[in-house]
Amino acid sequence: LKLAVCNNALCSSPTLVILDSAGDVGLYTSMQFYGSSYPIISYYDATNANLKLAVCGDALCNYRFLVVVDSASGVGWFTSLQLNAANHPVISYYDVSNSNLKLAVCNDALCSS
């Protein structure tokens, strides 16, 4: 999973940051900004068949937290991320193993519960 941070409107020389490189990760991404301009990205980890979340601690994502939101096998396809009024992630995603649409409503910004 990579993040391109653009320095101008044309994004002619973006800063590229590798957020997660553990296996085949970064599929079905969805991104929002919280705080002043900090990215938060939901994505599918195909190696482990998990739904994951990358929460950046600054605009360039030099500091980040990688969280497994749902570890049931085959979950995390087609993520859609929004932030609620408290800036906590709310993620809809597909559970391919059970053919279900799922919703994760996080109780904090890092989705630790």
C-alpha atoms as a PDB file:
ATOM      1  CA  LEU A   1       0.000   0.000   0.000  1.00  0.00           C
ATOM      2  CA  LYS A   2       1.480   3.313  -1.088  1.00  0.00           C
ATOM      3  CA  LEU A   3       0.406   6.892  -0.515  1.00  0.00           C
ATOM      4  CA  ALA A   4       1.182   9.686  -2.974  1.00  0.00           C
ATOM      5  CA  VAL A   5       1.250  13.114  -1.337  1.00  0.00           C
ATOM      6  CA  CYS A   6       1.034  15.801  -4.009  1.00  0.00           C
ATOM      7  CA  ASN A   7       3.055  18.995  -3.754  1.00  0.00           C
ATOM      8  CA  ASN A   8       0.989  20.892  -6.353  1.00  0.00           C
ATOM      9  CA  ALA A   9      -2.334  20.691  -8.201  1.00  0.00           C
ATOM     10  CA  LEU A  10      -0.816  18.691 -11.074  1.00  0.00           C
ATOM     11  CA  CYS A  11       0.914  16.262  -8.682  1.00  0.00           C
ATOM     12  CA  SER A  12       4.003  16.550 -10.893  1.00  0.00           C
ATOM     13  CA  SER A  13       6.460  15.318  -8.241  1.00  0.00           C
ATOM     14  CA  PRO A  14       4.563  13.583  -5.428  1.00  0.00           C
ATOM     15  CA  THR A  15       6.123  12.265  -2.264  1.00  0.00           C
ATOM     16  CA  LEU A  16       5.596   8.478  -2.296  1.00  0.00           C
ATOM     17  CA  VAL A  17       5.290   6.709   1.039  1.00  0.00           C
ATOM     18  CA  ILE A  18       5.073   2.938   1.525  1.00  0.00           C
ATOM     19  CA  LEU A  19       2.502   2.400   4.248  1.00  0.00           C
ATOM     20  CA  ASP A  20       2.245  -1.397   4.304  1.00  0.00           C
ATOM     21  CA  SER A  21       4.374  -3.890   2.397  1.00  0.00           C
ATOM     22  CA  ALA A  22       3.700  -7.094   4.325  1.00  0.00           C
ATOM     23  CA  GLY A  23       2.485  -9.369   1.536  1.00  0.00           C
ATOM     24  CA  ASP A  24      -0.145  -8.590  -1.081  1.00  0.00           C
ATOM     25  CA  VAL A  25      -1.813  -5.555   0.512  1.00  0.00           C
ATOM     26  CA  GLY A  26      -3.517  -2.382  -0.652  1.00  0.00           C
ATOM     27  CA  LEU A  27      -6.453  -3.657  -2.673  1.00  0.00           C
ATOM     28  CA  TYR A  28      -9.946  -2.075  -2.625  1.00  0.00           C
ATOM     29  CA  THR A  29      -8.793   1.132  -0.934  1.00  0.00           C
ATOM     30  CA  SER A  30     -10.878   3.998   0.369  1.00  0.00           C
ATOM     31  CA  MET A  31      -9.436   7.164   1.890  1.00  0.00           C
ATOM     32  CA  GLN A  32     -10.630  10.082   3.995  1.00  0.00           C
ATOM     33  CA  PHE A  33      -8.840  12.901   5.824  1.00  0.00           C
ATOM     34  CA  TYR A  34      -9.230  13.577   9.524  1.00  0.00           C
ATOM     35  CA  GLY A  35      -7.848  16.291  11.747  1.00  0.00           C
ATOM     36  CA  SER A  36      -6.192  18.997   9.703  1.00  0.00           C
ATOM     37  CA  SER A  37      -5.126  16.787   6.777  1.00  0.00           C
ATOM     38  CA  TYR A  38      -4.154  13.343   8.029  1.00  0.00           C
ATOM     39  CA  PRO A  39      -4.991  10.436   5.697  1.00  0.00           C
ATOM     40  CA  ILE A  40      -6.822   7.362   6.918  1.00  0.00           C
ATOM     41  CA  ILE A  41      -7.138   4.448   4.479  1.00  0.00           C
ATOM     42  CA  SER A  42      -9.147   1.231   4.576  1.00  0.00           C
ATOM     43  CA  TYR A  43      -7.894  -1.620   2.397  1.00  0.00           C
ATOM     44  CA  TYR A  44      -7.846  -5.348   1.776  1.00  0.00           C
ATOM     45  CA  ASP A  45      -4.908  -7.528   2.817  1.00  0.00           C
ATOM     46  CA  ALA A  46      -5.055 -10.366   0.253  1.00  0.00           C
ATOM     47  CA  THR A  47      -2.241 -12.345   1.906  1.00  0.00           C
ATOM     48  CA  ASN A  48      -4.210 -12.748   5.144  1.00  0.00           C
ATOM     49  CA  ALA A  49      -7.716 -12.121   3.699  1.00  0.00           C
ATOM     50  CA  ASN A  50      -8.300  -9.319   6.259  1.00  0.00           C
ATOM     51  CA  LEU A  51      -9.758  -5.841   6.354  1.00  0.00           C
ATOM     52  CA  LYS A  52      -7.063  -3.373   7.442  1.00  0.00           C
ATOM     53  CA  LEU A  53      -6.860   0.312   8.272  1.00  0.00           C
ATOM     54  CA  ALA A  54      -3.882   2.671   7.983  1.00  0.00           C
ATOM     55  CA  VAL A  55      -4.176   5.713  10.244  1.00  0.00           C
ATOM     56  CA  CYS A  56      -1.606   8.429   9.596  1.00  0.00           C
ATOM     57  CA  GLY A  57      -0.199  10.549  12.417  1.00  0.00           C
ATOM     58  CA  ASP A  58       0.807  13.391  10.098  1.00  0.00           C
ATOM     59  CA  ALA A  59       0.062  14.648   6.584  1.00  0.00           C
ATOM     60  CA  LEU A  60       2.974  12.711   5.038  1.00  0.00           C
ATOM     61  CA  CYS A  61       2.147   9.582   7.022  1.00  0.00           C
ATOM     62  CA  ASN A  62       5.649   9.383   8.496  1.00  0.00           C
ATOM     63  CA  TYR A  63       3.950   8.087  11.641  1.00  0.00           C
ATOM     64  CA  ARG A  64       1.236   5.527  11.078  1.00  0.00           C
ATOM     65  CA  PHE A  65      -0.756   2.822  12.749  1.00  0.00           C
ATOM     66  CA  LEU A  66      -1.753  -0.319  10.850  1.00  0.00           C
ATOM     67  CA  VAL A  67      -4.804  -2.036  12.306  1.00  0.00           C
ATOM     68  CA  VAL A  68      -6.542  -5.297  11.416  1.00  0.00           C
ATOM     69  CA  VAL A  69     -10.217  -4.331  11.650  1.00  0.00           C
ATOM     70  CA  ASP A  70     -11.703  -7.736  10.766  1.00  0.00           C
ATOM     71  CA  SER A  71      -9.647 -10.927  10.616  1.00  0.00           C
ATOM     72  CA  ALA A  72     -12.384 -13.363   9.584  1.00  0.00           C
ATOM     73  CA  SER A  73     -11.194 -15.085   6.417  1.00  0.00           C
ATOM     74  CA  GLY A  74     -12.182 -13.455   3.136  1.00  0.00           C
ATOM     75  CA  VAL A  75     -13.304 -10.068   4.438  1.00  0.00           C
ATOM     76  CA  GLY A  76     -12.371  -6.582   3.277  1.00  0.00           C
ATOM     77  CA  TRP A  77     -13.276  -6.499  -0.386  1.00  0.00           C
ATOM     78  CA  PHE A  78     -14.668  -3.261  -1.867  1.00  0.00           C
ATOM     79  CA  THR A  79     -14.114  -1.048   1.195  1.00  0.00           C
ATOM     80  CA  SER A  80     -15.874   2.280   1.598  1.00  0.00           C
ATOM     81  CA  LEU A  81     -14.653   4.525   4.409  1.00  0.00           C
ATOM     82  CA  GLN A  82     -16.340   7.496   6.049  1.00  0.00           C
ATOM     83  CA  LEU A  83     -15.678   9.282   9.326  1.00  0.00           C
ATOM     84  CA  ASN A  84     -18.521   9.857  11.752  1.00  0.00           C
ATOM     85  CA  ALA A  85     -19.088  13.078  13.727  1.00  0.00           C
ATOM     86  CA  ALA A  86     -16.417  12.026  16.247  1.00  0.00           C
ATOM     87  CA  ASN A  87     -13.897  11.340  13.409  1.00  0.00           C
ATOM     88  CA  HIS A  88     -14.070   7.604  14.029  1.00  0.00           C
ATOM     89  CA  PRO A  89     -13.881   5.319  10.990  1.00  0.00           C
ATOM     90  CA  VAL A  90     -17.025   3.649   9.665  1.00  0.00           C
ATOM     91  CA  ILE A  91     -16.218   1.064   6.981  1.00  0.00           C
ATOM     92  CA  SER A  92     -18.534  -0.925   4.774  1.00  0.00           C
ATOM     93  CA  TYR A  93     -16.976  -3.933   3.050  1.00  0.00           C
ATOM     94  CA  TYR A  94     -17.757  -7.243   1.435  1.00  0.00           C
ATOM     95  CA  ASP A  95     -17.304 -10.636   3.101  1.00  0.00           C
ATOM     96  CA  VAL A  96     -16.645 -12.867   0.101  1.00  0.00           C
ATOM     97  CA  SER A  97     -16.597 -16.086   2.194  1.00  0.00           C
ATOM     98  CA  ASN A  98     -20.209 -15.597   3.313  1.00  0.00           C
ATOM     99  CA  SER A  99     -21.502 -13.330   0.521  1.00  0.00           C
ATOM    100  CA  ASN A 100     -22.411 -10.598   3.022  1.00  0.00           C
ATOM    101  CA  LEU A 101     -22.055  -6.857   3.198  1.00  0.00           C
ATOM    102  CA  LYS A 102     -20.524  -5.913   6.555  1.00  0.00           C
ATOM    103  CA  LEU A 103     -20.129  -2.682   8.499  1.00  0.00           C
ATOM    104  CA  ALA A 104     -17.389  -1.851  10.985  1.00  0.00           C
ATOM    105  CA  VAL A 105     -18.141   1.093  13.273  1.00  0.00           C
ATOM    106  CA  CYS A 106     -15.009   1.995  15.197  1.00  0.00           C
ATOM    107  CA  ASN A 107     -15.195   3.256  18.768  1.00  0.00           C
ATOM    108  CA  ASP A 108     -12.049   5.381  18.441  1.00  0.00           C
ATOM    109  CA  ALA A 109      -9.873   6.970  15.742  1.00  0.00           C
ATOM    110  CA  LEU A 110      -7.506   3.984  15.629  1.00  0.00           C
ATOM    111  CA  CYS A 111     -10.314   1.453  15.397  1.00  0.00           C
ATOM    112  CA  SER A 112      -8.867  -0.446  18.341  1.00  0.00           C
ATOM    113  CA  SER A 113     -12.353  -1.551  19.367  1.00  0.00           C
END
